[in-house]
PDB file of N, CA and C in Angstrom:
ATOM      1  N   MET A   1     121.404  72.461  77.254  1.00  0.00           N
ATOM      2  CA  MET A   1     120.335  73.335  77.670  1.00  0.00           C
ATOM      3  C   MET A   1     119.812  72.859  79.021  1.00  0.00           C
ATOM      4  N   GLY A   2     119.625  73.799  79.943  1.00  0.00           N
ATOM      5  CA  GLY A   2     119.154  73.452  81.282  1.00  0.00           C
ATOM      6  C   GLY A   2     117.673  73.137  81.295  1.00  0.00           C
ATOM      7  N   ARG A   3     117.224  72.688  82.459  1.00  0.00           N
ATOM      8  CA  ARG A   3     115.820  72.304  82.585  1.00  0.00           C
ATOM      9  C   ARG A   3     114.887  73.506  82.492  1.00  0.00           C
ATOM     10  N   GLY A   4     115.273  74.647  83.074  1.00  0.00           N
ATOM     11  CA  GLY A   4     114.416  75.844  83.061  1.00  0.00           C
ATOM     12  C   GLY A   4     114.175  76.366  81.648  1.00  0.00           C
ATOM     13  N   PRO A   5     115.238  76.653  80.872  1.00  0.00           N
ATOM     14  CA  PRO A   5     115.015  77.136  79.494  1.00  0.00           C
ATOM     15  C   PRO A   5     114.285  76.119  78.613  1.00  0.00           C
ATOM     16  N   ARG A   6     114.550  74.831  78.832  1.00  0.00           N
ATOM     17  CA  ARG A   6     113.879  73.797  78.034  1.00  0.00           C
ATOM     18  C   ARG A   6     112.375  73.796  78.322  1.00  0.00           C
ATOM     19  N   ARG A   7     112.011  73.894  79.593  1.00  0.00           N
ATOM     20  CA  ARG A   7     110.597  73.919  79.955  1.00  0.00           C
ATOM     21  C   ARG A   7     109.904  75.171  79.411  1.00  0.00           C
ATOM     22  N   LEU A   8     110.603  76.307  79.473  1.00  0.00           N
ATOM     23  CA  LEU A   8     110.042  77.540  78.937  1.00  0.00           C
ATOM     24  C   LEU A   8     109.835  77.429  77.426  1.00  0.00           C
ATOM     25  N   LEU A   9     110.788  76.864  76.718  1.00  0.00           N
ATOM     26  CA  LEU A   9     110.667  76.667  75.273  1.00  0.00           C
ATOM     27  C   LEU A   9     109.504  75.736  74.945  1.00  0.00           C
ATOM     28  N   LEU A  10     109.364  74.648  75.694  1.00  0.00           N
ATOM     29  CA  LEU A  10     108.251  73.728  75.467  1.00  0.00           C
ATOM     30  C   LEU A  10     106.902  74.388  75.756  1.00  0.00           C
ATOM     31  N   LEU A  11     106.845  75.225  76.776  1.00  0.00           N
ATOM     32  CA  LEU A  11     105.624  75.956  77.091  1.00  0.00           C
ATOM     33  C   LEU A  11     105.265  76.922  75.965  1.00  0.00           C
ATOM     34  N   LEU A  12     106.243  77.638  75.445  1.00  0.00           N
ATOM     35  CA  LEU A  12     105.994  78.561  74.337  1.00  0.00           C
ATOM     36  C   LEU A  12     105.530  77.819  73.085  1.00  0.00           C
ATOM     37  N   ILE A  13     106.118  76.677  72.798  1.00  0.00           N
ATOM     38  CA  ILE A  13     105.698  75.869  71.652  1.00  0.00           C
ATOM     39  C   ILE A  13     104.262  75.383  71.848  1.00  0.00           C
ATOM     40  N   ALA A  14     103.909  74.953  73.053  1.00  0.00           N
ATOM     41  CA  ALA A  14     102.554  74.471  73.323  1.00  0.00           C
ATOM     42  C   ALA A  14     101.532  75.602  73.178  1.00  0.00           C
ATOM     43  N   VAL A  15     101.855  76.796  73.673  1.00  0.00           N
ATOM     44  CA  VAL A  15     100.939  77.931  73.552  1.00  0.00           C
ATOM     45  C   VAL A  15     100.767  78.311  72.080  1.00  0.00           C
ATOM     46  N   ALA A  16     101.857  78.333  71.318  1.00  0.00           N
ATOM     47  CA  ALA A  16     101.761  78.644  69.889  1.00  0.00           C
ATOM     48  C   ALA A  16     100.919  77.594  69.157  1.00  0.00           C
ATOM     49  N   TRP A  17     101.102  76.332  69.495  1.00  0.00           N
ATOM     50  CA  TRP A  17     100.334  75.261  68.859  1.00  0.00           C
ATOM     51  C   TRP A  17      98.846  75.384  69.189  1.00  0.00           C
ATOM     52  N   LEU A  18      98.513  75.700  70.422  1.00  0.00           N
ATOM     53  CA  LEU A  18      97.107  75.887  70.788  1.00  0.00           C
ATOM     54  C   LEU A  18      96.502  77.082  70.056  1.00  0.00           C
ATOM     55  N   ALA A  19      97.275  78.149  69.877  1.00  0.00           N
ATOM     56  CA  ALA A  19      96.786  79.310  69.131  1.00  0.00           C
ATOM     57  C   ALA A  19      96.497  78.936  67.682  1.00  0.00           C
ATOM     58  N   ILE A  20      97.354  78.132  67.076  1.00  0.00           N
ATOM     59  CA  ILE A  20      97.131  77.685  65.698  1.00  0.00           C
ATOM     60  C   ILE A  20      95.886  76.808  65.618  1.00  0.00           C
ATOM     61  N   LEU A  21      95.697  75.954  66.605  1.00  0.00           N
ATOM     62  CA  LEU A  21      94.515  75.091  66.606  1.00  0.00           C
ATOM     63  C   LEU A  21      93.213  75.871  66.802  1.00  0.00           C
ATOM     64  N   MET A  22      93.278  77.042  67.432  1.00  0.00           N
ATOM     65  CA  MET A  22      92.085  77.849  67.672  1.00  0.00           C
ATOM     66  C   MET A  22      91.680  78.690  66.456  1.00  0.00           C
ATOM     67  N   LEU A  23      92.517  78.808  65.439  1.00  0.00           N
ATOM     68  CA  LEU A  23      92.181  79.614  64.263  1.00  0.00           C
ATOM     69  C   LEU A  23      90.901  79.154  63.564  1.00  0.00           C
ATOM     70  N   PRO A  24      90.668  77.859  63.353  1.00  0.00           N
ATOM     71  CA  PRO A  24      89.385  77.463  62.747  1.00  0.00           C
ATOM     72  C   PRO A  24      88.174  77.837  63.603  1.00  0.00           C
ATOM     73  N   THR A  25      88.313  77.785  64.907  1.00  0.00           N
ATOM     74  CA  THR A  25      87.220  78.178  65.798  1.00  0.00           C
ATOM     75  C   THR A  25      86.929  79.668  65.650  1.00  0.00           C
ATOM     76  N   LEU A  26      87.981  80.481  65.573  1.00  0.00           N
ATOM     77  CA  LEU A  26      87.814  81.916  65.361  1.00  0.00           C
ATOM     78  C   LEU A  26      87.146  82.182  64.017  1.00  0.00           C
ATOM     79  N   ALA A  27      87.568  81.488  62.980  1.00  0.00           N
ATOM     80  CA  ALA A  27      86.980  81.672  61.647  1.00  0.00           C
ATOM     81  C   ALA A  27      85.498  81.293  61.656  1.00  0.00           C
ATOM     82  N   PHE A  28      85.150  80.197  62.313  1.00  0.00           N
ATOM     83  CA  PHE A  28      83.746  79.776  62.400  1.00  0.00           C
ATOM     84  C   PHE A  28      82.917  80.801  63.162  1.00  0.00           C
ATOM     85  N   PHE A  29      83.454  81.308  64.267  1.00  0.00           N
ATOM     86  CA  PHE A  29      82.745  82.305  65.069  1.00  0.00           C
ATOM     87  C   PHE A  29      82.516  83.579  64.267  1.00  0.00           C
ATOM     88  N   LEU A  30      83.534  84.039  63.531  1.00  0.00           N
ATOM     89  CA  LEU A  30      83.384  85.242  62.710  1.00  0.00           C
ATOM     90  C   LEU A  30      82.373  85.022  61.586  1.00  0.00           C
ATOM     91  N   ALA A  31      82.395  83.852  60.967  1.00  0.00           N
ATOM     92  CA  ALA A  31      81.453  83.571  59.886  1.00  0.00           C
ATOM     93  C   ALA A  31      80.020  83.533  60.406  1.00  0.00           C
ATOM     94  N   ARG A  32      79.837  83.070  61.611  1.00  0.00           N
ATOM     95  CA  ARG A  32      78.487  82.958  62.167  1.00  0.00           C
ATOM     96  C   ARG A  32      77.972  84.283  62.719  1.00  0.00           C
ATOM     97  N   ASN A  33      78.799  85.004  63.498  1.00  0.00           N
ATOM     98  CA  ASN A  33      78.353  86.217  64.181  1.00  0.00           C
ATOM     99  C   ASN A  33      78.769  87.506  63.476  1.00  0.00           C
ATOM    100  N   GLY A  34      79.784  87.455  62.644  1.00  0.00           N
ATOM    101  CA  GLY A  34      80.234  88.649  61.938  1.00  0.00           C
ATOM    102  C   GLY A  34      81.226  89.492  62.698  1.00  0.00           C
ATOM    103  N   GLN A  35      81.338  89.291  64.011  1.00  0.00           N
ATOM    104  CA  GLN A  35      82.285  90.075  64.803  1.00  0.00           C
ATOM    105  C   GLN A  35      82.617  89.379  66.118  1.00  0.00           C
ATOM    106  N   LEU A  36      83.747  89.785  66.682  1.00  0.00           N
ATOM    107  CA  LEU A  36      84.180  89.323  67.997  1.00  0.00           C
ATOM    108  C   LEU A  36      84.679  90.548  68.735  1.00  0.00           C
ATOM    109  N   GLN A  37      84.076  90.851  69.875  1.00  0.00           N
ATOM    110  CA  GLN A  37      84.439  92.058  70.611  1.00  0.00           C
ATOM    111  C   GLN A  37      84.930  91.711  72.003  1.00  0.00           C
ATOM    112  N   LEU A  38      86.025  92.357  72.382  1.00  0.00           N
ATOM    113  CA  LEU A  38      86.574  92.242  73.722  1.00  0.00           C
ATOM    114  C   LEU A  38      86.531  93.621  74.360  1.00  0.00           C
ATOM    115  N   GLY A  39      85.799  93.758  75.451  1.00  0.00           N
ATOM    116  CA  GLY A  39      85.689  95.042  76.129  1.00  0.00           C
ATOM    117  C   GLY A  39      84.313  95.649  75.950  1.00  0.00           C
ATOM    118  N   ASP A  40      84.118  96.822  76.565  1.00  0.00           N
ATOM    119  CA  ASP A  40      82.842  97.520  76.566  1.00  0.00           C
ATOM    120  C   ASP A  40      82.743  98.445  75.354  1.00  0.00           C
ATOM    121  N   SER A  41      81.592  98.489  74.706  1.00  0.00           N
ATOM    122  CA  SER A  41      81.406  99.333  73.521  1.00  0.00           C
ATOM    123  C   SER A  41      81.586 100.813  73.831  1.00  0.00           C
ATOM    124  N   GLY A  42      81.251 101.236  75.024  1.00  0.00           N
ATOM    125  CA  GLY A  42      81.351 102.647  75.381  1.00  0.00           C
ATOM    126  C   GLY A  42      82.714 103.054  75.891  1.00  0.00           C
ATOM    127  N   GLY A  43      83.650 102.137  75.984  1.00  0.00           N
ATOM    128  CA  GLY A  43      84.978 102.451  76.508  1.00  0.00           C
ATOM    129  C   GLY A  43      86.053 101.744  75.719  1.00  0.00           C
ATOM    130  N   ARG A  44      87.101 101.363  76.412  1.00  0.00           N
ATOM    131  CA  ARG A  44      88.224 100.676  75.766  1.00  0.00           C
ATOM    132  C   ARG A  44      87.761  99.307  75.275  1.00  0.00           C
ATOM    133  N   HIS A  45      87.980  99.042  73.981  1.00  0.00           N
ATOM    134  CA  HIS A  45      87.607  97.744  73.439  1.00  0.00           C
ATOM    135  C   HIS A  45      88.397  97.432  72.169  1.00  0.00           C
ATOM    136  N   TRP A  46      88.400  96.166  71.822  1.00  0.00           N
ATOM    137  CA  TRP A  46      88.937  95.642  70.565  1.00  0.00           C
ATOM    138  C   TRP A  46      87.800  94.892  69.903  1.00  0.00           C
ATOM    139  N   ARG A  47      87.624  95.124  68.590  1.00  0.00           N
ATOM    140  CA  ARG A  47      86.561  94.439  67.858  1.00  0.00           C
ATOM    141  C   ARG A  47      87.113  93.953  66.525  1.00  0.00           C
ATOM    142  N   LEU A  48      87.059  92.663  66.307  1.00  0.00           N
ATOM    143  CA  LEU A  48      87.444  92.051  65.040  1.00  0.00           C
ATOM    144  C   LEU A  48      86.157  91.763  64.286  1.00  0.00           C
ATOM    145  N   PHE A  49      86.042  92.284  63.061  1.00  0.00           N
ATOM    146  CA  PHE A  49      84.812  92.093  62.317  1.00  0.00           C
ATOM    147  C   PHE A  49      85.102  91.680  60.883  1.00  0.00           C
ATOM    148  N   LEU A  50      84.107  91.049  60.293  1.00  0.00           N
ATOM    149  CA  LEU A  50      84.198  90.517  58.944  1.00  0.00           C
ATOM    150  C   LEU A  50      83.502  91.473  57.990  1.00  0.00           C
ATOM    151  N   LEU A  51      84.187  91.846  56.903  1.00  0.00           N
ATOM    152  CA  LEU A  51      83.601  92.695  55.861  1.00  0.00           C
ATOM    153  C   LEU A  51      83.139  91.812  54.715  1.00  0.00           C
ATOM    154  N   GLN A  52      81.885  91.922  54.357  1.00  0.00           N
ATOM    155  CA  GLN A  52      81.327  91.123  53.269  1.00  0.00           C
ATOM    156  C   GLN A  52      80.437  92.014  52.418  1.00  0.00           C
ATOM    157  N   GLU A  53      81.036  92.893  51.643  1.00  0.00           N
ATOM    158  CA  GLU A  53      80.319  93.764  50.729  1.00  0.00           C
ATOM    159  C   GLU A  53      80.459  93.221  49.321  1.00  0.00           C
ATOM    160  N   ALA A  54      79.741  93.818  48.371  1.00  0.00           N
ATOM    161  CA  ALA A  54      79.790  93.345  46.990  1.00  0.00           C
ATOM    162  C   ALA A  54      81.185  93.510  46.384  1.00  0.00           C
ATOM    163  N   GLU A  55      81.856  94.617  46.683  1.00  0.00           N
ATOM    164  CA  GLU A  55      83.160  94.902  46.080  1.00  0.00           C
ATOM    165  C   GLU A  55      84.337  94.655  47.022  1.00  0.00           C
ATOM    166  N   THR A  56      84.098  94.579  48.314  1.00  0.00           N
ATOM    167  CA  THR A  56      85.187  94.446  49.286  1.00  0.00           C
ATOM    168  C   THR A  56      84.907  93.288  50.236  1.00  0.00           C
ATOM    169  N   GLU A  57      85.948  92.534  50.499  1.00  0.00           N
ATOM    170  CA  GLU A  57      85.871  91.451  51.486  1.00  0.00           C
ATOM    171  C   GLU A  57      87.175  91.417  52.269  1.00  0.00           C
ATOM    172  N   GLY A  58      87.067  91.171  53.556  1.00  0.00           N
ATOM    173  CA  GLY A  58      88.255  91.090  54.382  1.00  0.00           C
ATOM    174  C   GLY A  58      87.909  91.153  55.858  1.00  0.00           C
ATOM    175  N   LEU A  59      88.924  91.471  56.646  1.00  0.00           N
ATOM    176  CA  LEU A  59      88.783  91.606  58.095  1.00  0.00           C
ATOM    177  C   LEU A  59      89.096  93.033  58.504  1.00  0.00           C
ATOM    178  N   GLY A  60      88.431  93.491  59.540  1.00  0.00           N
ATOM    179  CA  GLY A  60      88.704  94.792  60.119  1.00  0.00           C
ATOM    180  C   GLY A  60      88.964  94.635  61.605  1.00  0.00           C
ATOM    181  N   LEU A  61      89.873  95.449  62.116  1.00  0.00           N
ATOM    182  CA  LEU A  61      90.173  95.456  63.549  1.00  0.00           C
ATOM    183  C   LEU A  61      89.981  96.872  64.056  1.00  0.00           C
ATOM    184  N   GLU A  62      89.040  97.044  64.970  1.00  0.00           N
ATOM    185  CA  GLU A  62      88.751  98.344  65.573  1.00  0.00           C
ATOM    186  C   GLU A  62      89.282  98.343  66.996  1.00  0.00           C
ATOM    187  N   ARG A  63      90.093  99.354  67.319  1.00  0.00           N
ATOM    188  CA  ARG A  63      90.632  99.515  68.668  1.00  0.00           C
ATOM    189  C   ARG A  63      90.216 100.886  69.180  1.00  0.00           C
ATOM    190  N   SER A  64      89.671 100.932  70.375  1.00  0.00           N
ATOM    191  CA  SER A  64      89.199 102.187  70.949  1.00  0.00           C
ATOM    192  C   SER A  64      89.810 102.368  72.331  1.00  0.00           C
ATOM    193  N   ARG A  65      90.179 103.630  72.630  1.00  0.00           N
ATOM    194  CA  ARG A  65      90.765 103.917  73.940  1.00  0.00           C
ATOM    195  C   ARG A  65      90.357 105.316  74.379  1.00  0.00           C
ATOM    196  N   PRO A  66      90.214 105.550  75.686  1.00  0.00           N
ATOM    197  CA  PRO A  66      89.881 106.890  76.173  1.00  0.00           C
ATOM    198  C   PRO A  66      91.070 107.832  76.017  1.00  0.00           C
ATOM    199  N   VAL A  67      90.789 109.090  75.696  1.00  0.00           N
ATOM    200  CA  VAL A  67      91.816 110.125  75.584  1.00  0.00           C
ATOM    201  C   VAL A  67      91.372 111.348  76.364  1.00  0.00           C
ATOM    202  N   ALA A  68      92.287 112.286  76.510  1.00  0.00           N
ATOM    203  CA  ALA A  68      91.998 113.511  77.256  1.00  0.00           C
ATOM    204  C   ALA A  68      90.977 114.361  76.499  1.00  0.00           C
ATOM    205  N   PRO A  69      90.043 114.993  77.204  1.00  0.00           N
ATOM    206  CA  PRO A  69      89.059 115.848  76.540  1.00  0.00           C
ATOM    207  C   PRO A  69      89.700 117.157  76.081  1.00  0.00           C
ATOM    208  N   PRO A  70      89.027 117.903  75.189  1.00  0.00           N
ATOM    209  CA  PRO A  70      89.568 119.197  74.754  1.00  0.00           C
ATOM    210  C   PRO A  70      89.536 120.198  75.905  1.00  0.00           C
ATOM    211  N   LEU A  71      90.351 121.233  75.787  1.00  0.00           N
ATOM    212  CA  LEU A  71      90.450 122.229  76.861  1.00  0.00           C
ATOM    213  C   LEU A  71      89.148 122.985  77.080  1.00  0.00           C
ATOM    214  N   GLU A  72      88.372 123.212  76.013  1.00  0.00           N
ATOM    215  CA  GLU A  72      87.129 123.976  76.158  1.00  0.00           C
ATOM    216  C   GLU A  72      86.008 123.154  76.798  1.00  0.00           C
ATOM    217  N   ALA A  73      86.184 121.836  76.925  1.00  0.00           N
ATOM    218  CA  ALA A  73      85.163 120.982  77.542  1.00  0.00           C
ATOM    219  C   ALA A  73      85.844 119.926  78.416  1.00  0.00           C
ATOM    220  N   PRO A  74      86.342 120.320  79.584  1.00  0.00           N
ATOM    221  CA  PRO A  74      87.094 119.371  80.412  1.00  0.00           C
ATOM    222  C   PRO A  74      86.265 118.233  80.983  1.00  0.00           C
ATOM    223  N   ASP A  75      84.936 118.353  80.982  1.00  0.00           N
ATOM    224  CA  ASP A  75      84.106 117.275  81.521  1.00  0.00           C
ATOM    225  C   ASP A  75      83.567 116.344  80.442  1.00  0.00           C
ATOM    226  N   ALA A  76      84.008 116.504  79.204  1.00  0.00           N
ATOM    227  CA  ALA A  76      83.580 115.613  78.122  1.00  0.00           C
ATOM    228  C   ALA A  76      84.303 114.269  78.227  1.00  0.00           C
ATOM    229  N   VAL A  77      83.690 113.240  77.672  1.00  0.00           N
ATOM    230  CA  VAL A  77      84.293 111.908  77.621  1.00  0.00           C
ATOM    231  C   VAL A  77      84.670 111.636  76.167  1.00  0.00           C
ATOM    232  N   CYS A  78      85.974 111.380  75.908  1.00  0.00           N
ATOM    233  CA  CYS A  78      86.457 111.232  74.540  1.00  0.00           C
ATOM    234  C   CYS A  78      87.076 109.856  74.320  1.00  0.00           C
ATOM    235  N   LEU A  79      86.794 109.288  73.146  1.00  0.00           N
ATOM    236  CA  LEU A  79      87.359 108.009  72.737  1.00  0.00           C
ATOM    237  C   LEU A  79      88.052 108.178  71.394  1.00  0.00           C
ATOM    238  N   GLU A  80      89.286 107.698  71.305  1.00  0.00           N
ATOM    239  CA  GLU A  80      89.997 107.661  70.031  1.00  0.00           C
ATOM    240  C   GLU A  80      89.876 106.238  69.482  1.00  0.00           C
ATOM    241  N   THR A  81      89.423 106.127  68.254  1.00  0.00           N
ATOM    242  CA  THR A  81      89.193 104.829  67.630  1.00  0.00           C
ATOM    243  C   THR A  81      90.038 104.721  66.378  1.00  0.00           C
ATOM    244  N   SER A  82      90.746 103.611  66.245  1.00  0.00           N
ATOM    245  CA  SER A  82      91.504 103.347  65.020  1.00  0.00           C
ATOM    246  C   SER A  82      90.991 102.040  64.420  1.00  0.00           C
ATOM    247  N   VAL A  83      90.842 102.045  63.094  1.00  0.00           N
ATOM    248  CA  VAL A  83      90.335 100.879  62.385  1.00  0.00           C
ATOM    249  C   VAL A  83      91.363 100.494  61.323  1.00  0.00           C
ATOM    250  N   SER A  84      91.808  99.240  61.358  1.00  0.00           N
ATOM    251  CA  SER A  84      92.749  98.700  60.378  1.00  0.00           C
ATOM    252  C   SER A  84      92.044  97.601  59.603  1.00  0.00           C
ATOM    253  N   TYR A  85      92.383  97.490  58.318  1.00  0.00           N
ATOM    254  CA  TYR A  85      91.742  96.512  57.448  1.00  0.00           C
ATOM    255  C   TYR A  85      92.773  95.577  56.829  1.00  0.00           C
ATOM    256  N   TRP A  86      92.394  94.314  56.684  1.00  0.00           N
ATOM    257  CA  TRP A  86      93.151  93.317  55.928  1.00  0.00           C
ATOM    258  C   TRP A  86      92.198  92.762  54.882  1.00  0.00           C
ATOM    259  N   MET A  87      92.399  93.184  53.642  1.00  0.00           N
ATOM    260  CA  MET A  87      91.452  92.866  52.571  1.00  0.00           C
ATOM    261  C   MET A  87      91.996  91.777  51.661  1.00  0.00           C
ATOM    262  N   TRP A  88      91.118  90.861  51.213  1.00  0.00           N
ATOM    263  CA  TRP A  88      91.495  89.899  50.191  1.00  0.00           C
ATOM    264  C   TRP A  88      90.748  90.172  48.891  1.00  0.00           C
ATOM    265  N   ALA A  89      89.785  91.083  48.912  1.00  0.00           N
ATOM    266  CA  ALA A  89      89.106  91.536  47.696  1.00  0.00           C
ATOM    267  C   ALA A  89      88.742  93.004  47.890  1.00  0.00           C
ATOM    268  N   GLY A  90      89.155  93.852  46.974  1.00  0.00           N
ATOM    269  CA  GLY A  90      88.872  95.276  47.088  1.00  0.00           C
ATOM    270  C   GLY A  90      89.921  95.986  47.928  1.00  0.00           C
ATOM    271  N   GLU A  91      89.650  97.244  48.233  1.00  0.00           N
ATOM    272  CA  GLU A  91      90.577  98.062  49.019  1.00  0.00           C
ATOM    273  C   GLU A  91      89.814  98.813  50.106  1.00  0.00           C
ATOM    274  N   ALA A  92      90.498  99.083  51.189  1.00  0.00           N
ATOM    275  CA  ALA A  92      89.953  99.900  52.272  1.00  0.00           C
ATOM    276  C   ALA A  92      91.116 100.636  52.915  1.00  0.00           C
ATOM    277  N   GLN A  93      90.859 101.841  53.362  1.00  0.00           N
ATOM    278  CA  GLN A  93      91.909 102.668  53.953  1.00  0.00           C
ATOM    279  C   GLN A  93      91.771 102.669  55.475  1.00  0.00           C
ATOM    280  N   ASP A  94      92.899 102.479  56.168  1.00  0.00           N
ATOM    281  CA  ASP A  94      92.901 102.539  57.624  1.00  0.00           C
ATOM    282  C   ASP A  94      92.540 103.958  58.064  1.00  0.00           C
ATOM    283  N   VAL A  95      91.873 104.066  59.205  1.00  0.00           N
ATOM    284  CA  VAL A  95      91.396 105.368  59.656  1.00  0.00           C
ATOM    285  C   VAL A  95      91.534 105.477  61.175  1.00  0.00           C
ATOM    286  N   VAL A  96      91.758 106.703  61.650  1.00  0.00           N
ATOM    287  CA  VAL A  96      91.778 107.014  63.082  1.00  0.00           C
ATOM    288  C   VAL A  96      90.860 108.208  63.285  1.00  0.00           C
ATOM    289  N   TYR A  97      89.931 108.115  64.221  1.00  0.00           N
ATOM    290  CA  TYR A  97      89.037 109.232  64.499  1.00  0.00           C
ATOM    291  C   TYR A  97      88.772 109.321  65.989  1.00  0.00           C
ATOM    292  N   CYS A  98      88.195 110.441  66.386  1.00  0.00           N
ATOM    293  CA  CYS A  98      87.934 110.695  67.794  1.00  0.00           C
ATOM    294  C   CYS A  98      86.505 111.201  67.958  1.00  0.00           C
ATOM    295  N   GLN A  99      85.842 110.738  69.010  1.00  0.00           N
ATOM    296  CA  GLN A  99      84.489 111.179  69.328  1.00  0.00           C
ATOM    297  C   GLN A  99      84.451 111.600  70.784  1.00  0.00           C
ATOM    298  N   CYS A 100      83.804 112.718  71.037  1.00  0.00           N
ATOM    299  CA  CYS A 100      83.629 113.191  72.405  1.00  0.00           C
ATOM    300  C   CYS A 100      82.151 113.348  72.704  1.00  0.00           C
ATOM    301  N   ALA A 101      81.740 112.940  73.867  1.00  0.00           N
ATOM    302  CA  ALA A 101      80.361 113.108  74.322  1.00  0.00           C
ATOM    303  C   ALA A 101      80.363 114.094  75.475  1.00  0.00           C
ATOM    304  N   ALA A 102      79.572 115.128  75.339  1.00  0.00           N
ATOM    305  CA  ALA A 102      79.497 116.156  76.372  1.00  0.00           C
ATOM    306  C   ALA A 102      78.680 115.633  77.550  1.00  0.00           C
ATOM    307  N   THR A 103      79.198 115.843  78.750  1.00  0.00           N
ATOM    308  CA  THR A 103      78.472 115.399  79.939  1.00  0.00           C
ATOM    309  C   THR A 103      77.858 116.569  80.704  1.00  0.00           C
ATOM    310  N   GLY A 104      78.325 117.794  80.434  1.00  0.00           N
ATOM    311  CA  GLY A 104      77.777 118.968  81.107  1.00  0.00           C
ATOM    312  C   GLY A 104      76.658 119.596  80.292  1.00  0.00           C
ATOM    313  N   SER A 105      75.850 120.432  80.925  1.00  0.00           N
ATOM    314  CA  SER A 105      74.724 121.044  80.219  1.00  0.00           C
ATOM    315  C   SER A 105      75.132 122.315  79.486  1.00  0.00           C
ATOM    316  N   GLY A 106      76.268 122.912  79.802  1.00  0.00           N
ATOM    317  CA  GLY A 106      76.681 124.167  79.186  1.00  0.00           C
ATOM    318  C   GLY A 106      77.455 123.992  77.891  1.00  0.00           C
ATOM    319  N   LEU A 107      77.560 122.775  77.361  1.00  0.00           N
ATOM    320  CA  LEU A 107      78.358 122.542  76.163  1.00  0.00           C
ATOM    321  C   LEU A 107      77.489 122.605  74.914  1.00  0.00           C
ATOM    322  N   ALA A 108      78.133 122.913  73.809  1.00  0.00           N
ATOM    323  CA  ALA A 108      77.431 122.952  72.529  1.00  0.00           C
ATOM    324  C   ALA A 108      77.008 121.538  72.132  1.00  0.00           C
ATOM    325  N   GLN A 109      75.984 121.443  71.321  1.00  0.00           N
ATOM    326  CA  GLN A 109      75.490 120.147  70.884  1.00  0.00           C
ATOM    327  C   GLN A 109      76.295 119.567  69.725  1.00  0.00           C
ATOM    328  N   THR A 110      77.182 120.332  69.126  1.00  0.00           N
ATOM    329  CA  THR A 110      77.995 119.828  68.026  1.00  0.00           C
ATOM    330  C   THR A 110      79.084 118.924  68.570  1.00  0.00           C
ATOM    331  N   PRO A 111      79.524 117.940  67.782  1.00  0.00           N
ATOM    332  CA  PRO A 111      80.599 117.044  68.252  1.00  0.00           C
ATOM    333  C   PRO A 111      81.887 117.827  68.506  1.00  0.00           C
ATOM    334  N   LEU A 112      82.597 117.433  69.517  1.00  0.00           N
ATOM    335  CA  LEU A 112      83.842 118.093  69.894  1.00  0.00           C
ATOM    336  C   LEU A 112      85.029 117.315  69.350  1.00  0.00           C
ATOM    337  N   ALA A 113      86.123 118.013  69.077  1.00  0.00           N
ATOM    338  CA  ALA A 113      87.366 117.354  68.677  1.00  0.00           C
ATOM    339  C   ALA A 113      88.117 116.950  69.928  1.00  0.00           C
ATOM    340  N   CYS A 114      88.930 115.929  69.801  1.00  0.00           N
ATOM    341  CA  CYS A 114      89.711 115.457  70.948  1.00  0.00           C
ATOM    342  C   CYS A 114      90.816 116.437  71.284  1.00  0.00           C
ATOM    343  N   GLY A 115      91.188 116.447  72.549  1.00  0.00           N
ATOM    344  CA  GLY A 115      92.325 117.258  72.979  1.00  0.00           C
ATOM    345  C   GLY A 115      93.625 116.544  72.718  1.00  0.00           C
ATOM    346  N   GLU A 116      94.704 117.241  72.820  1.00  0.00           N
ATOM    347  CA  GLU A 116      96.023 116.630  72.661  1.00  0.00           C
ATOM    348  C   GLU A 116      96.339 115.799  73.895  1.00  0.00           C
ATOM    349  N   PRO A 117      96.965 114.626  73.712  1.00  0.00           N
ATOM    350  CA  PRO A 117      97.275 113.779  74.871  1.00  0.00           C
ATOM    351  C   PRO A 117      98.322 114.397  75.759  1.00  0.00           C
TER     352      PRO A 117
END
């Protein structure tokens, strides 16, 4: 094995080892704060959160991304959000939903459905 592939392999092993060592820190942070969010709440973001209900316990991962607005409201701002669950007690169903906020004054006050991408 040459020096380049060997160094790359050692780098990958070191990164994997550091990721494993950071798992207790992540667990402590989640236990203390209940969630870890990367990104802006009003836009694209990832949020890892802890579920601690009487019947259900586990982790949830929420991912949100901007999508195209519906044709009837081209100036609306739409976010598609998907939530996945990893449960160790109870059950939860993964879900995908979309929310649009109207920015113009001529739009209806009811929530709008997302447009097709």
